[in-house]
Amino acid sequence: MILILSLSAFLIVGLIYAFQTFYLDDFYQKHKLTEIIETGDYIAESIAADDDDDLERRIRERSMNNEVCVYVFSTDEDIATAGNQNMCALGMLRYDQTTEILKTTVENGGSYVFKDYRIGRGDQEKLYIYSRMVEDDEETSFVLVSAMITPLGATIATLHDQLWVIALIVLVITVLLGFISSYRFVSPIRKLQEEASRLPSGNYSGDVSSSSTEIMELNETLKQANEEIRKVDTARKELLSNVSHDLRTPLTMIVGYAEMMKDLKEENNEENLDVIITEAKRLNSLVDDLLDVSRIEGNRLVLQKEDVSLNEFLTDIYRQYEKYCEAQEIDFKLELAEDGIVSFDRKRISQVLYNFLNNALNYNDAENKIIRLSSEKEGKMYTVSVYDNGPGIKEKDLKNIWNRYYKVEEDHKRHHIGSGIGLSLARDLLELHGLEYGVDSVYGEYSRFWFRIPETQ
């Protein structure tokens, strides 16, 4: 940090030195040239405006402020000064020089700049002379403005001496600023770096203090990232635990019934085979969900849309759950609107409704359980919904239940520990179809998951 500041300071001082050594004289001459041209044009405009009453004052002010000499010549008079009466180089012009200047001015369109003009012989200093012709109906006037171009060698030498003193002061200040900056910025950044190395483990403490707003904002960002890492890590652990539970339950059922059928011939019946088949399908469904999540995250899931009779489709879904609900003493109802043809991927929308129905079964702890699979039609739009009279969802949880691995924690007894991906998968599949979806719930009364789909015919 100190090295960078020092190099920057010396670079700046070096640039100043270069400009003073090589370009100061050029800048000075350009500045003086600009001054005499502006002064000449200003006086010429005053003459053209016929402002004779105030001309003397203007010439005097300009010549004093810009350190230039101003002469005004008129063709109606002998060559003489009409303004500034102070002695200056223009007063030393010979008649033939003055005539030459005026002639050159006329030949060059009414204005001309004479550079490095010498009035006499010898080592006199150089002059810049600007000549400007002013014409009106009565007379022709000429404005001459001159400035002495003084050699700057002594001035540059003085500036060089000052520059060494300035360089020393800049060096001291740079070193002090380097130490201050190191204390205020570098130390907190190093502390931030050490703390950030703990991010992968989710152990970022955020114990960093600094007067820099940017550093503190970065610290807050890292703290938020650390919190998100913790959440993801917790979700990962819960997912492993829940998936393990979901896998273990059907596997236990399959193994248990298979061993029972093997050991007891009388148990080798169709009913037990149905249990094994059902649990195997349940196991397969869970694996499918996990694979589909992976496909969606990798943008590899392609929809196979087809035209489907909505009532026929919902009736098929209803029949798959009907016997199970009867065995569990659940009042499972199918309420259908006027039939219509819709277009979707049958397998994927089936997954959506399976997740809605499984959610209703898993969380419905009502004494008299009611689940409704229904469709409603409004114009050309169908609303398909799954209703249950379970405990409902708290308002604070409604915005999160579609998030992957999020599970509502309730005090009521749960029949099933979910993996936390069902509703997230349903959301992803509905969004792939471009369908509107949502959930309505009153805590302690009911929940209703729904999506809308347009009629195609």
Protein backbone atom coordinates (compact mmCIF):
# COMPACT_ATOMS: atom_id res chain seq x y z
CA MET A 1 0.00 0.00 0.00
CA ILE A 2 2.77 2.45 1.01
CA LEU A 3 4.83 1.48 -2.05
CA ILE A 4 1.89 2.12 -4.39
CA LEU A 5 1.18 5.52 -2.83
CA SER A 6 4.86 6.48 -3.01
CA LEU A 7 5.14 5.49 -6.67
CA SER A 8 1.96 7.42 -7.46
CA ALA A 9 3.29 10.53 -5.68
CA PHE A 10 6.64 10.40 -7.48
CA LEU A 11 4.86 9.88 -10.79
CA ILE A 12 2.84 13.03 -10.20
CA VAL A 13 5.94 15.01 -9.19
CA GLY A 14 7.76 13.67 -12.26
CA LEU A 15 4.96 14.83 -14.54
CA ILE A 16 5.06 18.30 -12.95
CA TYR A 17 8.84 18.42 -13.47
CA ALA A 18 8.49 17.41 -17.13
CA PHE A 19 5.85 20.04 -17.81
CA GLN A 20 7.92 22.73 -16.06
CA THR A 21 11.08 21.81 -17.97
CA PHE A 22 9.78 21.17 -21.47
CA TYR A 23 6.39 22.82 -21.82
CA LEU A 24 6.24 25.80 -19.44
CA ASP A 25 7.71 28.23 -21.99
CA ASP A 26 5.28 27.05 -24.68
CA PHE A 27 2.30 27.42 -22.34
CA TYR A 28 3.50 30.89 -21.33
CA GLN A 29 3.85 32.10 -24.92
CA LYS A 30 0.47 30.65 -25.88
CA HIS A 31 -1.11 32.38 -22.89
CA LYS A 32 0.42 35.78 -23.77
CA LEU A 33 -0.64 35.38 -27.39
CA THR A 34 -4.22 34.67 -26.31
CA GLU A 35 -4.16 37.75 -24.05
CA ILE A 36 -3.09 40.21 -26.75
CA ILE A 37 -5.58 38.79 -29.31
CA GLU A 38 -8.49 38.98 -26.84
CA THR A 39 -7.47 42.52 -25.81
CA GLY A 40 -7.18 43.68 -29.44
CA ASP A 41 -10.55 42.22 -30.39
CA TYR A 42 -12.15 43.77 -27.32
CA ILE A 43 -10.82 47.29 -28.14
CA ALA A 44 -11.76 46.85 -31.81
CA GLU A 45 -15.33 45.97 -30.88
CA SER A 46 -15.52 49.04 -28.65
CA ILE A 47 -14.36 51.26 -31.51
CA ALA A 48 -16.83 49.64 -33.94
CA ALA A 49 -19.62 50.30 -31.43
CA ASP A 50 -18.62 54.03 -31.54
CA ASP A 51 -18.07 54.03 -27.78
CA ASP A 52 -15.45 56.80 -27.81
CA ASP A 53 -16.44 58.26 -24.44
CA ASP A 54 -15.39 55.12 -22.57
CA LEU A 55 -12.58 53.99 -24.90
CA GLU A 56 -9.72 55.56 -22.93
CA ARG A 57 -10.79 53.84 -19.71
CA ARG A 58 -11.19 50.47 -21.40
CA ILE A 59 -7.76 50.69 -23.03
CA ARG A 60 -6.18 51.64 -19.71
CA GLU A 61 -7.89 48.82 -17.79
CA ARG A 62 -7.03 46.16 -20.34
CA SER A 63 -3.41 47.18 -20.70
CA MET A 64 -2.90 47.19 -16.94
CA ASN A 65 -4.80 43.97 -16.19
CA ASN A 66 -3.18 41.92 -18.96
CA GLU A 67 0.23 43.65 -18.78
CA VAL A 68 0.10 44.54 -22.45
CA CYS A 69 0.65 47.72 -24.46
CA VAL A 70 -2.28 49.10 -26.48
CA TYR A 71 -2.03 51.69 -29.27
CA VAL A 72 -4.83 52.92 -31.55
CA PHE A 73 -4.04 54.57 -34.90
CA SER A 74 -6.45 56.46 -37.12
CA THR A 75 -6.04 57.25 -40.83
CA ASP A 76 -7.52 60.73 -40.28
CA GLU A 77 -4.73 61.73 -37.96
CA ASP A 78 -1.01 61.47 -37.81
CA ILE A 79 0.11 58.17 -36.40
CA ALA A 80 -0.37 58.68 -32.69
CA THR A 81 -1.63 57.08 -29.54
CA ALA A 82 -5.35 57.40 -29.01
CA GLY A 83 -5.45 55.55 -25.73
CA ASN A 84 -2.73 54.43 -23.35
CA GLN A 85 -0.15 57.16 -22.82
CA ASN A 86 2.23 54.99 -20.78
CA MET A 87 5.60 54.30 -22.30
CA CYS A 88 5.84 50.84 -23.91
CA ALA A 89 7.61 49.07 -26.71
CA LEU A 90 5.09 50.20 -29.34
CA GLY A 91 6.16 53.78 -28.71
CA MET A 92 9.61 52.86 -30.00
CA LEU A 93 8.36 51.75 -33.42
CA ARG A 94 9.91 53.64 -36.36
CA TYR A 95 7.66 55.11 -39.01
CA ASP A 96 8.66 52.51 -41.58
CA GLN A 97 7.98 49.67 -39.09
CA THR A 98 4.56 51.04 -38.28
CA THR A 99 3.75 51.41 -41.97
CA GLU A 100 4.89 47.84 -42.62
CA ILE A 101 2.71 46.51 -39.77
CA LEU A 102 -0.39 48.34 -41.04
CA LYS A 103 0.24 47.23 -44.63
CA THR A 104 0.66 43.58 -43.58
CA THR A 105 -2.55 43.80 -41.56
CA VAL A 106 -4.55 45.04 -44.56
CA GLU A 107 -3.02 42.37 -46.83
CA ASN A 108 -4.04 39.62 -44.39
CA GLY A 109 -7.72 40.46 -44.16
CA GLY A 110 -7.65 42.99 -41.33
CA SER A 111 -5.76 41.16 -38.58
CA TYR A 112 -2.31 39.69 -38.12
CA VAL A 113 -0.01 38.42 -35.37
CA PHE A 114 3.69 39.27 -35.47
CA LYS A 115 5.78 36.85 -33.46
CA ASP A 116 9.33 37.39 -32.26
CA TYR A 117 9.21 40.97 -33.49
CA ARG A 118 12.28 43.12 -32.72
CA ILE A 119 11.83 46.87 -32.72
CA GLY A 120 15.54 47.76 -32.90
CA ARG A 121 18.87 46.10 -33.24
CA GLY A 122 20.71 44.37 -30.46
CA ASP A 123 19.53 42.02 -27.76
CA GLN A 124 16.13 43.55 -27.16
CA GLU A 125 13.50 41.09 -25.90
CA LYS A 126 11.08 39.58 -28.38
CA LEU A 127 7.61 41.05 -28.87
CA TYR A 128 4.29 39.58 -29.83
CA ILE A 129 2.29 42.23 -31.71
CA TYR A 130 -1.36 41.80 -32.70
CA SER A 131 -2.70 44.24 -35.28
CA ARG A 132 -6.43 44.62 -35.98
CA MET A 133 -8.08 46.91 -38.54
CA VAL A 134 -11.44 48.55 -37.74
CA GLU A 135 -13.44 50.14 -40.57
CA ASP A 136 -16.54 52.31 -40.50
CA ASP A 137 -18.16 54.83 -42.84
CA GLU A 138 -15.99 57.75 -41.74
CA GLU A 139 -12.53 56.39 -40.96
CA THR A 140 -10.29 53.39 -40.69
CA SER A 141 -8.57 52.64 -37.39
CA PHE A 142 -5.91 50.17 -36.36
CA VAL A 143 -5.52 48.59 -32.95
CA LEU A 144 -2.04 47.39 -31.99
CA VAL A 145 -1.50 45.31 -28.89
CA SER A 146 1.93 44.07 -27.83
CA ALA A 147 3.36 41.93 -25.06
CA MET A 148 6.95 41.30 -24.07
CA ILE A 149 8.00 37.64 -24.17
CA THR A 150 10.28 37.30 -21.18
CA PRO A 151 12.70 34.33 -21.05
CA LEU A 152 11.64 31.91 -18.29
CA GLY A 153 14.99 30.30 -17.54
CA ALA A 154 15.32 31.87 -14.10
CA THR A 155 11.67 31.14 -13.35
CA ILE A 156 12.05 27.47 -14.32
CA ALA A 157 15.18 27.13 -12.19
CA THR A 158 13.28 28.59 -9.22
CA LEU A 159 10.41 26.19 -9.78
CA HIS A 160 12.84 23.26 -9.90
CA ASP A 161 14.26 24.26 -6.51
CA GLN A 162 10.76 24.46 -5.11
CA LEU A 163 9.88 21.14 -6.66
CA TRP A 164 12.54 19.28 -4.66
CA VAL A 165 11.09 20.71 -1.46
CA ILE A 166 7.59 19.77 -2.59
CA ALA A 167 8.76 16.24 -3.47
CA LEU A 168 10.18 15.78 0.03
CA ILE A 169 6.95 17.03 1.61
CA VAL A 170 4.88 14.77 -0.66
CA LEU A 171 7.05 11.79 0.29
CA VAL A 172 6.53 12.40 4.01
CA ILE A 173 2.79 12.90 3.57
CA THR A 174 2.58 9.78 1.36
CA VAL A 175 4.28 7.63 3.97
CA LEU A 176 1.97 8.97 6.68
CA LEU A 177 -1.09 8.39 4.51
CA GLY A 178 0.18 4.89 3.75
CA PHE A 179 0.39 3.98 7.42
CA ILE A 180 -3.00 5.54 8.14
CA SER A 181 -4.57 3.75 5.18
CA SER A 182 -2.96 0.48 6.24
CA TYR A 183 -4.44 0.84 9.68
CA ARG A 184 -7.89 1.91 8.48
CA PHE A 185 -8.29 -0.24 5.36
CA VAL A 186 -5.64 -2.91 4.90
CA SER A 187 -5.95 -4.41 8.40
CA PRO A 188 -9.76 -4.79 8.21
CA ILE A 189 -9.43 -6.27 4.70
CA ARG A 190 -6.90 -8.83 5.95
CA LYS A 191 -9.21 -9.65 8.85
CA LEU A 192 -12.06 -9.95 6.35
CA GLN A 193 -9.97 -12.32 4.24
CA GLU A 194 -9.19 -14.52 7.24
CA GLU A 195 -12.84 -14.64 8.21
CA ALA A 196 -13.93 -15.30 4.62
CA SER A 197 -11.76 -18.43 4.53
CA ARG A 198 -14.21 -19.91 7.05
CA LEU A 199 -17.19 -19.39 4.74
CA PRO A 200 -17.19 -22.91 3.23
CA SER A 201 -17.80 -24.35 6.68
CA GLY A 202 -20.43 -21.73 7.50
CA ASN A 203 -18.38 -20.37 10.41
CA TYR A 204 -17.99 -16.76 9.31
CA SER A 205 -18.26 -14.68 12.50
CA GLY A 206 -18.45 -11.24 10.88
CA ASP A 207 -16.31 -9.83 13.73
CA VAL A 208 -14.81 -7.06 11.60
CA SER A 209 -14.95 -3.35 12.34
CA SER A 210 -13.89 -0.54 10.02
CA SER A 211 -14.66 3.10 9.35
CA SER A 212 -15.00 2.28 5.66
CA THR A 213 -18.60 1.97 4.53
CA GLU A 214 -17.61 -0.31 1.64
CA ILE A 215 -15.75 -2.73 3.92
CA MET A 216 -18.67 -2.90 6.34
CA GLU A 217 -21.10 -3.49 3.45
CA LEU A 218 -18.85 -6.30 2.21
CA ASN A 219 -18.79 -7.71 5.73
CA GLU A 220 -22.59 -7.68 5.85
CA THR A 221 -22.74 -9.40 2.44
CA LEU A 222 -20.40 -12.14 3.67
CA LYS A 223 -22.48 -12.55 6.83
CA GLN A 224 -25.59 -13.03 4.69
CA ALA A 225 -23.71 -15.50 2.48
CA ASN A 226 -22.62 -17.37 5.60
CA GLU A 227 -26.22 -17.55 6.80
CA GLU A 228 -27.34 -18.87 3.41
CA ILE A 229 -24.57 -21.49 3.49
CA ARG A 230 -25.77 -22.59 6.91
CA LYS A 231 -29.32 -22.84 5.65
CA VAL A 232 -28.25 -24.84 2.61
CA ASP A 233 -26.11 -27.12 4.77
CA THR A 234 -29.00 -27.64 7.18
CA ALA A 235 -31.35 -28.29 4.26
CA ARG A 236 -28.87 -30.78 2.80
CA LYS A 237 -28.67 -32.67 6.07
CA GLU A 238 -32.45 -32.65 6.44
CA LEU A 239 -32.83 -33.82 2.84
CA LEU A 240 -30.48 -36.75 3.43
CA SER A 241 -32.32 -37.63 6.63
CA ASN A 242 -35.78 -37.32 5.07
CA VAL A 243 -34.90 -39.14 1.86
CA SER A 244 -33.33 -41.90 3.94
CA HIS A 245 -36.57 -42.16 5.91
CA ASP A 246 -38.65 -42.11 2.71
CA LEU A 247 -36.51 -44.85 1.21
CA ARG A 248 -36.39 -46.94 4.36
CA THR A 249 -40.17 -47.07 4.86
CA PRO A 250 -41.11 -48.66 1.49
CA LEU A 251 -38.02 -50.86 1.54
CA THR A 252 -38.95 -52.15 5.00
CA MET A 253 -42.49 -52.84 3.82
CA ILE A 254 -41.29 -54.62 0.66
CA VAL A 255 -38.73 -56.76 2.52
CA GLY A 256 -41.13 -57.51 5.38
CA TYR A 257 -44.02 -58.64 3.17
CA ALA A 258 -41.71 -60.58 0.86
CA GLU A 259 -40.17 -62.51 3.81
CA MET A 260 -43.61 -63.13 5.26
CA MET A 261 -44.84 -64.54 1.93
CA LYS A 262 -41.73 -66.69 1.69
CA ASP A 263 -41.99 -68.11 5.22
CA LEU A 264 -45.79 -68.43 5.40
CA LYS A 265 -47.40 -70.03 2.37
CA GLU A 266 -50.85 -68.88 3.44
CA GLU A 267 -49.68 -65.23 3.22
CA ASN A 268 -48.72 -65.68 -0.41
CA ASN A 269 -51.80 -63.87 -1.70
CA GLU A 270 -52.79 -61.06 -4.01
CA GLU A 271 -53.42 -58.57 -1.20
CA ASN A 272 -49.84 -58.79 0.07
CA LEU A 273 -48.51 -58.59 -3.47
CA ASP A 274 -50.50 -55.36 -3.92
CA VAL A 275 -48.78 -53.91 -0.85
CA ILE A 276 -45.35 -54.77 -2.26
CA ILE A 277 -46.26 -53.28 -5.64
CA THR A 278 -47.67 -50.12 -4.02
CA GLU A 279 -44.55 -49.58 -1.91
CA ALA A 280 -42.30 -50.25 -4.90
CA LYS A 281 -44.23 -47.59 -6.87
CA ARG A 282 -43.89 -45.22 -3.95
CA LEU A 283 -40.14 -45.84 -3.92
CA ASN A 284 -39.96 -45.31 -7.66
CA SER A 285 -41.93 -42.08 -7.38
CA LEU A 286 -39.46 -40.67 -4.86
CA VAL A 287 -36.52 -41.55 -7.08
CA ASP A 288 -38.31 -39.96 -10.05
CA ASP A 289 -38.80 -36.75 -8.06
CA LEU A 290 -35.10 -36.60 -7.23
CA LEU A 291 -34.13 -37.25 -10.83
CA ASP A 292 -36.59 -34.64 -12.11
CA VAL A 293 -35.16 -32.03 -9.73
CA SER A 294 -31.73 -32.77 -11.15
CA ARG A 295 -33.03 -32.51 -14.76
CA ILE A 296 -34.77 -29.19 -14.07
CA GLU A 297 -31.67 -27.71 -12.44
CA GLY A 298 -29.64 -28.81 -15.45
CA ASN A 299 -32.24 -27.52 -17.96
CA ARG A 300 -32.57 -31.04 -19.35
CA LEU A 301 -36.28 -31.63 -18.75
CA VAL A 302 -38.28 -31.48 -21.99
CA LEU A 303 -42.08 -31.35 -21.85
CA GLN A 304 -44.13 -33.76 -24.00
CA LYS A 305 -47.39 -31.85 -24.37
CA GLU A 306 -50.55 -33.42 -25.72
CA ASP A 307 -54.27 -32.62 -25.89
CA VAL A 308 -56.05 -34.16 -22.90
CA SER A 309 -59.64 -34.39 -21.73
CA LEU A 310 -59.41 -32.62 -18.37
CA ASN A 311 -62.28 -34.55 -16.71
CA GLU A 312 -60.92 -37.89 -17.88
CA PHE A 313 -57.46 -36.98 -16.60
CA LEU A 314 -58.71 -35.86 -13.16
CA THR A 315 -60.90 -38.95 -12.87
CA ASP A 316 -57.85 -41.18 -13.45
CA ILE A 317 -55.97 -39.32 -10.68
CA TYR A 318 -58.98 -39.67 -8.37
CA ARG A 319 -59.23 -43.43 -8.89
CA GLN A 320 -55.59 -43.93 -7.96
CA TYR A 321 -56.24 -42.44 -4.51
CA GLU A 322 -59.86 -43.51 -4.02
CA LYS A 323 -59.27 -46.92 -2.36
CA TYR A 324 -56.46 -45.66 -0.21
CA CYS A 325 -58.64 -42.83 1.10
CA GLU A 326 -61.48 -45.27 1.83
CA ALA A 327 -59.10 -47.45 3.85
CA GLN A 328 -57.94 -44.39 5.78
CA GLU A 329 -61.55 -43.20 6.32
CA ILE A 330 -60.94 -40.01 4.37
CA ASP A 331 -63.85 -38.32 2.61
CA PHE A 332 -62.25 -37.96 -0.82
CA LYS A 333 -64.44 -36.07 -3.30
CA LEU A 334 -64.16 -35.37 -7.02
CA GLU A 335 -65.95 -32.23 -8.21
CA LEU A 336 -65.71 -31.55 -11.94
CA ALA A 337 -66.83 -28.65 -14.09
CA GLU A 338 -67.90 -28.93 -17.74
CA ASP A 339 -65.33 -31.02 -19.61
CA GLY A 340 -62.86 -29.47 -22.03
CA ILE A 341 -59.63 -30.20 -23.89
CA VAL A 342 -56.41 -28.82 -22.44
CA SER A 343 -52.77 -29.21 -23.47
CA PHE A 344 -50.02 -30.30 -21.09
CA ASP A 345 -47.46 -33.01 -20.36
CA ARG A 346 -49.66 -35.70 -18.79
CA LYS A 347 -46.85 -37.24 -16.74
CA ARG A 348 -45.62 -33.93 -15.33
CA ILE A 349 -49.04 -32.53 -14.40
CA SER A 350 -49.76 -35.91 -12.79
CA GLN A 351 -46.66 -35.35 -10.65
CA VAL A 352 -47.97 -31.93 -9.68
CA LEU A 353 -51.33 -33.34 -8.53
CA TYR A 354 -49.64 -36.29 -6.77
CA ASN A 355 -47.60 -33.83 -4.74
CA PHE A 356 -50.68 -31.71 -3.95
CA LEU A 357 -52.65 -34.81 -2.89
CA ASN A 358 -49.78 -36.35 -0.93
CA ASN A 359 -49.34 -33.03 0.85
CA ALA A 360 -53.05 -33.04 1.74
CA LEU A 361 -52.81 -36.63 3.04
CA ASN A 362 -49.60 -36.10 5.02
CA TYR A 363 -50.65 -32.93 6.80
CA ASN A 364 -54.38 -33.49 7.28
CA ASP A 365 -54.94 -34.21 10.97
CA ALA A 366 -58.61 -33.24 11.06
CA GLU A 367 -60.92 -35.58 12.98
CA ASN A 368 -63.18 -35.93 9.93
CA LYS A 369 -60.73 -35.68 7.06
CA ILE A 370 -61.98 -34.16 3.82
CA ILE A 371 -59.99 -33.89 0.59
CA ARG A 372 -61.43 -32.52 -2.66
CA LEU A 373 -59.99 -32.74 -6.16
CA SER A 374 -61.94 -30.25 -8.26
CA SER A 375 -62.05 -28.20 -11.43
CA GLU A 376 -63.83 -24.89 -12.02
CA LYS A 377 -64.33 -23.14 -15.34
CA GLU A 378 -64.44 -19.41 -15.92
CA GLY A 379 -64.53 -18.39 -19.55
CA LYS A 380 -61.82 -20.37 -21.33
CA MET A 381 -59.80 -20.92 -18.15
CA TYR A 382 -59.91 -23.97 -15.84
CA THR A 383 -58.81 -23.85 -12.22
CA VAL A 384 -57.71 -27.24 -10.87
CA SER A 385 -57.37 -27.43 -7.10
CA VAL A 386 -56.76 -29.81 -4.21
CA TYR A 387 -58.51 -28.89 -0.95
CA ASP A 388 -58.05 -30.35 2.51
CA ASN A 389 -59.55 -29.41 5.88
CA GLY A 390 -56.27 -29.88 7.72
CA PRO A 391 -54.57 -27.40 10.04
CA GLY A 392 -53.77 -24.92 7.28
CA ILE A 393 -50.58 -22.92 6.85
CA LYS A 394 -49.44 -19.91 8.83
CA GLU A 395 -49.20 -16.69 6.87
CA LYS A 396 -45.45 -16.40 7.51
CA ASP A 397 -44.92 -19.81 5.86
CA LEU A 398 -47.03 -19.22 2.75
CA LYS A 399 -44.30 -17.42 0.81
CA ASN A 400 -41.72 -20.11 1.61
CA ILE A 401 -43.55 -23.39 1.09
CA TRP A 402 -42.61 -23.48 -2.63
CA ASN A 403 -38.91 -23.26 -1.78
CA ARG A 404 -36.86 -26.41 -2.10
CA TYR A 405 -36.27 -28.31 1.18
CA TYR A 406 -38.59 -25.97 3.10
CA LYS A 407 -40.97 -27.76 5.43
CA VAL A 408 -43.53 -26.20 7.73
CA GLU A 409 -42.88 -27.12 11.32
CA GLU A 410 -46.15 -27.79 13.14
CA ASP A 411 -47.08 -29.06 16.57
CA HIS A 412 -49.62 -31.51 15.20
CA LYS A 413 -48.73 -35.12 14.53
CA ARG A 414 -47.33 -35.84 11.10
CA HIS A 415 -48.09 -39.11 9.33
CA HIS A 416 -45.14 -38.75 7.00
CA ILE A 417 -41.80 -37.02 6.93
CA GLY A 418 -41.42 -35.44 3.50
CA SER A 419 -38.19 -34.85 1.66
CA GLY A 420 -39.00 -31.18 1.17
CA ILE A 421 -38.85 -31.26 -2.63
CA GLY A 422 -42.47 -32.07 -3.55
CA LEU A 423 -43.95 -28.58 -3.72
CA SER A 424 -40.73 -27.19 -5.17
CA LEU A 425 -40.88 -29.76 -7.95
CA ALA A 426 -44.57 -28.94 -8.54
CA ARG A 427 -43.70 -25.25 -8.81
CA ASP A 428 -40.91 -25.93 -11.32
CA LEU A 429 -43.14 -28.14 -13.47
CA LEU A 430 -45.97 -25.60 -13.50
CA GLU A 431 -43.57 -22.80 -14.41
CA LEU A 432 -42.18 -24.92 -17.24
CA HIS A 433 -45.76 -25.12 -18.55
CA GLY A 434 -46.18 -21.37 -18.08
CA LEU A 435 -49.19 -21.86 -15.77
CA GLU A 436 -50.37 -19.65 -12.94
CA TYR A 437 -50.43 -21.39 -9.55
CA GLY A 438 -50.81 -20.64 -5.86
CA VAL A 439 -52.06 -21.65 -2.44
CA ASP A 440 -54.93 -20.34 -0.32
CA SER A 441 -55.01 -21.20 3.36
CA VAL A 442 -56.55 -20.18 6.65
CA TYR A 443 -54.53 -21.40 9.60
CA GLY A 444 -56.51 -23.90 11.61
CA GLU A 445 -59.16 -24.39 8.91
CA TYR A 446 -58.00 -25.49 5.43
CA SER A 447 -55.44 -25.41 2.63
CA ARG A 448 -56.09 -25.25 -1.12
CA PHE A 449 -53.39 -25.69 -3.74
CA TRP A 450 -54.36 -24.75 -7.29
CA PHE A 451 -53.21 -23.98 -10.82
CA ARG A 452 -54.95 -22.54 -13.88
CA ILE A 453 -54.83 -23.90 -17.42
CA PRO A 454 -56.54 -22.61 -20.58
CA GLU A 455 -58.91 -24.65 -22.71
CA THR A 456 -57.48 -25.35 -26.16
CA GLN A 457 -60.71 -26.40 -27.96
